[in-house]
């Protein structure tokens, strides 16, 4: 049986329960750049609309692209509950970020959180960056965010099952515990293989488990810079967190190109 990775096939409706700081602090950051660019926005890997919807609420026209039908179904359900004027600001596309064509240029293209890292094949990565470059307006900006890896990534990265977070969803009457483990790393190609287990307990005490597998490429700072520059993107700013702190010591790698 083929394992489908990076799609949240079984747990898309649980994704938004994650309230960790790196899934909250980036919203004001993208809003700031949206105001600066003041034009149409393209979000790659928009998922459940976590970022796109907030941008639309702020008055910006947003196109969101994602390959996961399950994540986009959640996104569309959320959009349908919004006021009509906000709904009209969002266009959602089920597509692949390695080979998309949208008949317009964008003032801002963003790949938040780990979206870009789901591309692990060198050819796919180059194709994606080419698409991004082709869709940027003359003065457009592209913002990429990936996690900062350890100074040395080796087999010690692997870890046993542990709890990442737990959360109540009162609307559905469920309690969710998200656990994770990492049992494989490809050091040569710089790919990690984390897995997530969602344990969902209903009001009657019945627990169901849902397993998701991820495959993510990791980048070192200088390596990511070189990749972007080699593919025709000019770096203008670099940050280590969404408060614009210096990149050298931050938990994240955030690079603005334009």
Protein backbone atom coordinates (compact mmCIF):
# COMPACT_ATOMS: atom_id res chain seq x y z
CA UNK A 1 0.00 0.00 0.00
CA UNK A 2 1.47 3.33 -1.06
CA UNK A 3 1.95 5.84 1.74
CA UNK A 4 0.68 9.32 0.87
CA UNK A 5 2.91 11.96 2.43
CA UNK A 6 2.43 15.64 3.25
CA UNK A 7 -1.30 15.64 2.46
CA UNK A 8 -3.03 15.30 5.87
CA UNK A 9 -5.42 12.87 4.20
CA UNK A 10 -6.91 11.56 7.46
CA UNK A 11 -6.57 14.60 9.73
CA UNK A 12 -7.13 17.78 7.72
CA UNK A 13 -10.03 18.70 9.99
CA UNK A 14 -7.69 18.63 13.00
CA UNK A 15 -4.92 20.80 11.57
CA UNK A 16 -6.30 24.13 12.84
CA UNK A 17 -6.28 22.93 16.44
CA UNK A 18 -2.51 23.44 16.44
CA UNK A 19 -1.90 26.61 18.45
CA UNK A 20 1.91 26.61 18.60
CA UNK A 21 3.56 30.01 18.32
CA UNK A 22 5.10 29.44 14.88
CA UNK A 23 1.60 28.93 13.49
CA UNK A 24 0.31 32.16 15.01
CA UNK A 25 3.19 34.64 14.96
CA UNK A 26 3.58 34.59 11.18
CA UNK A 27 0.15 36.10 10.46
CA UNK A 28 1.08 39.72 11.43
CA UNK A 29 4.34 39.29 9.48
CA UNK A 30 2.54 38.42 6.23
CA UNK A 31 -0.06 41.13 6.82
CA UNK A 32 2.74 43.69 7.05
CA UNK A 33 4.21 42.64 3.71
CA UNK A 34 0.77 42.49 2.13
CA UNK A 35 0.27 46.13 3.07
CA UNK A 36 3.70 47.06 1.70
CA UNK A 37 3.13 45.31 -1.62
CA UNK A 38 -0.53 46.33 -1.90
CA UNK A 39 -1.52 43.95 -4.68
CA UNK A 40 -2.70 40.43 -5.43
CA UNK A 41 -1.21 37.69 -3.25
CA UNK A 42 -0.43 34.07 -4.08
CA UNK A 43 -0.01 31.58 -1.25
CA UNK A 44 1.67 28.28 -2.07
CA UNK A 45 0.59 25.43 0.19
CA UNK A 46 -2.41 27.33 1.54
CA UNK A 47 -3.81 24.23 3.26
CA UNK A 48 -6.83 25.02 5.42
CA UNK A 49 -6.57 28.74 4.70
CA UNK A 50 -4.82 29.59 7.96
CA UNK A 51 -2.95 32.52 6.36
CA UNK A 52 -5.00 33.19 3.22
CA UNK A 53 -8.24 33.81 5.09
CA UNK A 54 -6.62 36.32 7.44
CA UNK A 55 -5.18 38.19 4.45
CA UNK A 56 -8.60 38.28 2.80
CA UNK A 57 -10.21 39.53 6.01
CA UNK A 58 -7.72 42.39 5.93
CA UNK A 59 -8.97 43.33 2.46
CA UNK A 60 -6.39 41.68 0.20
CA UNK A 61 -7.15 39.57 -2.88
CA UNK A 62 -5.62 36.14 -2.36
CA UNK A 63 -5.13 33.07 -4.52
CA UNK A 64 -4.36 29.94 -2.54
CA UNK A 65 -2.86 26.84 -4.14
CA UNK A 66 -2.53 23.42 -2.52
CA UNK A 67 -2.20 19.84 -3.68
CA UNK A 68 -4.19 18.30 -0.82
CA UNK A 69 -7.87 17.94 -1.65
CA UNK A 70 -8.61 17.16 1.99
CA UNK A 71 -6.98 20.36 3.26
CA UNK A 72 -8.72 22.44 0.59
CA UNK A 73 -12.09 20.98 1.53
CA UNK A 74 -11.60 22.35 5.06
CA UNK A 75 -10.44 25.66 3.59
CA UNK A 76 -13.53 25.97 1.39
CA UNK A 77 -15.86 25.13 4.27
CA UNK A 78 -14.27 27.93 6.30
CA UNK A 79 -14.54 30.38 3.41
CA UNK A 80 -18.24 29.56 2.92
CA UNK A 81 -18.92 30.77 6.46
CA UNK A 82 -17.38 34.20 5.80
CA UNK A 83 -19.15 37.35 4.70
CA UNK A 84 -19.68 37.50 0.94
CA UNK A 85 -17.29 40.44 0.45
CA UNK A 86 -14.50 38.41 2.08
CA UNK A 87 -15.36 35.27 0.11
CA UNK A 88 -14.96 37.28 -3.07
CA UNK A 89 -11.37 38.09 -2.07
CA UNK A 90 -10.25 34.44 -2.09
CA UNK A 91 -9.64 32.11 -5.03
CA UNK A 92 -8.66 28.53 -4.15
CA UNK A 93 -6.88 26.21 -6.61
CA UNK A 94 -6.15 22.50 -6.25
CA UNK A 95 -2.77 22.23 -7.92
CA UNK A 96 0.90 21.40 -7.71
CA UNK A 97 3.35 24.16 -6.81
CA UNK A 98 5.92 22.64 -9.18
CA UNK A 99 3.89 23.27 -12.34
CA UNK A 100 1.23 25.90 -11.94
CA UNK A 101 0.09 28.58 -14.35
CA UNK A 102 -2.21 31.39 -13.27
CA UNK A 103 -3.07 34.05 -15.79
CA UNK A 104 -1.85 36.99 -13.73
CA UNK A 105 1.20 38.39 -11.93
CA UNK A 106 1.36 38.74 -8.16
CA UNK A 107 2.73 41.55 -5.99
CA UNK A 108 3.43 39.05 -3.23
CA UNK A 109 4.00 35.29 -3.31
CA UNK A 110 4.41 33.44 -0.03
CA UNK A 111 5.32 29.89 0.96
CA UNK A 112 4.59 29.88 4.71
CA UNK A 113 5.71 27.46 7.38
CA UNK A 114 6.91 24.15 5.81
CA UNK A 115 5.15 24.34 2.44
CA UNK A 116 8.31 24.63 0.31
CA UNK A 117 10.02 21.85 2.25
CA UNK A 118 7.50 19.30 1.00
CA UNK A 119 9.40 19.44 -2.30
CA UNK A 120 12.24 16.95 -1.96
CA UNK A 121 13.20 16.33 -5.58
CA UNK A 122 15.79 18.73 -7.04
CA UNK A 123 13.97 19.00 -10.36
CA UNK A 124 10.65 19.77 -8.64
CA UNK A 125 12.34 22.45 -6.54
CA UNK A 126 13.78 24.16 -9.61
CA UNK A 127 10.43 23.96 -11.42
CA UNK A 128 8.67 25.54 -8.45
CA UNK A 129 11.14 28.43 -8.25
CA UNK A 130 10.78 28.99 -11.99
CA UNK A 131 6.99 29.17 -11.61
CA UNK A 132 7.37 31.63 -8.75
CA UNK A 133 9.69 33.85 -10.76
CA UNK A 134 7.34 33.77 -13.74
CA UNK A 135 4.37 34.84 -11.61
CA UNK A 136 6.01 37.73 -9.76
CA UNK A 137 5.15 41.24 -10.85
CA UNK A 138 7.99 43.64 -11.70
CA UNK A 139 8.34 44.87 -8.12
CA UNK A 140 6.92 41.74 -6.53
CA UNK A 141 8.25 39.97 -3.43
CA UNK A 142 8.57 36.26 -2.67
CA UNK A 143 8.78 35.14 0.96
CA UNK A 144 9.95 31.66 1.87
CA UNK A 145 9.92 30.19 5.39
CA UNK A 146 11.61 26.94 6.43
CA UNK A 147 12.71 25.63 9.81
CA UNK A 148 16.31 26.06 10.96
CA UNK A 149 17.91 22.60 11.18
CA UNK A 150 20.35 21.52 13.86
CA UNK A 151 23.98 22.43 13.21
CA UNK A 152 24.59 18.76 12.54
CA UNK A 153 21.79 16.65 11.11
CA UNK A 154 22.46 12.93 11.48
CA UNK A 155 20.84 9.80 12.92
CA UNK A 156 20.56 11.50 16.31
CA UNK A 157 17.70 13.52 14.77
CA UNK A 158 15.51 10.39 14.97
CA UNK A 159 13.26 10.26 18.02
CA UNK A 160 10.69 8.05 19.69
CA UNK A 161 7.02 8.86 19.99
CA UNK A 162 6.25 11.93 22.09
CA UNK A 163 3.33 14.31 22.60
CA UNK A 164 3.53 17.53 20.59
CA UNK A 165 0.31 19.14 21.85
CA UNK A 166 -3.20 18.43 23.06
CA UNK A 167 -6.33 20.49 22.62
CA UNK A 168 -10.06 20.42 23.31
CA UNK A 169 -12.49 21.17 20.51
CA UNK A 170 -15.65 22.10 22.39
CA UNK A 171 -17.64 22.65 19.19
CA UNK A 172 -17.26 19.00 18.25
CA UNK A 173 -16.99 17.65 21.78
CA UNK A 174 -13.61 16.02 21.21
CA UNK A 175 -10.20 16.02 22.86
CA UNK A 176 -7.21 15.71 20.53
CA UNK A 177 -3.69 14.62 21.41
CA UNK A 178 -1.12 15.00 18.67
CA UNK A 179 1.93 12.78 18.98
CA UNK A 180 4.97 12.60 16.72
CA UNK A 181 7.97 10.43 16.00
CA UNK A 182 10.85 10.44 13.54
CA UNK A 183 12.35 7.11 12.56
CA UNK A 184 14.26 7.97 9.40
CA UNK A 185 16.60 10.63 8.00
CA UNK A 186 18.27 10.79 4.59
CA UNK A 187 21.45 12.73 5.33
CA UNK A 188 22.74 12.69 1.75
CA UNK A 189 19.60 14.28 0.30
CA UNK A 190 18.74 16.23 3.46
CA UNK A 191 15.28 14.76 3.99
CA UNK A 192 13.58 13.96 7.29
CA UNK A 193 10.57 11.67 7.69
CA UNK A 194 8.45 12.70 10.68
CA UNK A 195 5.12 11.02 11.39
CA UNK A 196 2.13 12.32 13.32
CA UNK A 197 -0.45 10.39 15.31
CA UNK A 198 -3.72 12.15 16.16
CA UNK A 199 -5.62 10.53 19.04
CA UNK A 200 -9.20 11.81 19.03
CA UNK A 201 -11.41 11.06 22.02
CA UNK A 202 -15.13 11.82 21.81
CA UNK A 203 -17.49 12.77 24.65
CA UNK A 204 -18.28 9.08 25.24
CA UNK A 205 -14.63 8.25 25.81
CA UNK A 206 -14.11 6.46 22.50
CA UNK A 207 -10.67 7.12 20.95
CA UNK A 208 -9.78 6.95 17.27
CA UNK A 209 -6.23 7.23 15.94
CA UNK A 210 -5.15 8.83 12.65
CA UNK A 211 -1.63 8.50 11.23
CA UNK A 212 0.04 10.96 8.86
CA UNK A 213 3.48 10.70 7.26
CA UNK A 214 5.59 13.66 6.18
CA UNK A 215 8.66 14.00 3.99
CA UNK A 216 10.51 17.31 4.35
CA UNK A 217 13.73 18.65 2.90
CA UNK A 218 15.84 20.72 5.28
CA UNK A 219 18.09 23.62 4.37
CA UNK A 220 21.02 25.38 5.96
CA UNK A 221 21.04 29.17 5.73
CA UNK A 222 23.77 29.63 3.13
CA UNK A 223 22.46 26.68 1.14
CA UNK A 224 18.97 28.17 0.89
CA UNK A 225 20.38 31.55 -0.12
CA UNK A 226 22.43 29.96 -2.88
CA UNK A 227 19.45 27.95 -4.13
CA UNK A 228 17.28 31.06 -4.44
CA UNK A 229 20.00 33.15 -6.09
CA UNK A 230 20.96 30.38 -8.51
CA UNK A 231 17.34 30.30 -9.66
CA UNK A 232 17.15 34.01 -10.42
CA UNK A 233 15.72 35.38 -7.17
CA UNK A 234 17.39 38.35 -5.48
CA UNK A 235 17.46 38.31 -1.68
CA UNK A 236 16.49 41.57 -0.01
CA UNK A 237 15.87 40.61 3.64
CA UNK A 238 16.51 37.71 6.02
CA UNK A 239 15.03 36.98 9.43
CA UNK A 240 15.23 34.32 12.12
CA UNK A 241 11.71 34.88 13.45
CA UNK A 242 8.53 36.74 12.49
CA UNK A 243 9.49 39.71 14.66
CA UNK A 244 12.30 40.37 12.16
CA UNK A 245 15.06 39.33 14.54
CA UNK A 246 18.44 38.46 13.04
CA UNK A 247 18.57 35.26 11.05
CA UNK A 248 21.78 33.95 12.62
CA UNK A 249 20.22 32.78 15.88
CA UNK A 250 16.51 32.41 15.08
CA UNK A 251 14.39 29.27 15.16
CA UNK A 252 13.26 29.86 11.58
CA UNK A 253 14.82 30.80 8.24
CA UNK A 254 12.68 33.51 6.60
CA UNK A 255 13.97 35.02 3.36
CA UNK A 256 12.38 37.82 1.38
CA UNK A 257 13.24 37.95 -2.32
CA UNK A 258 12.48 40.76 -4.73
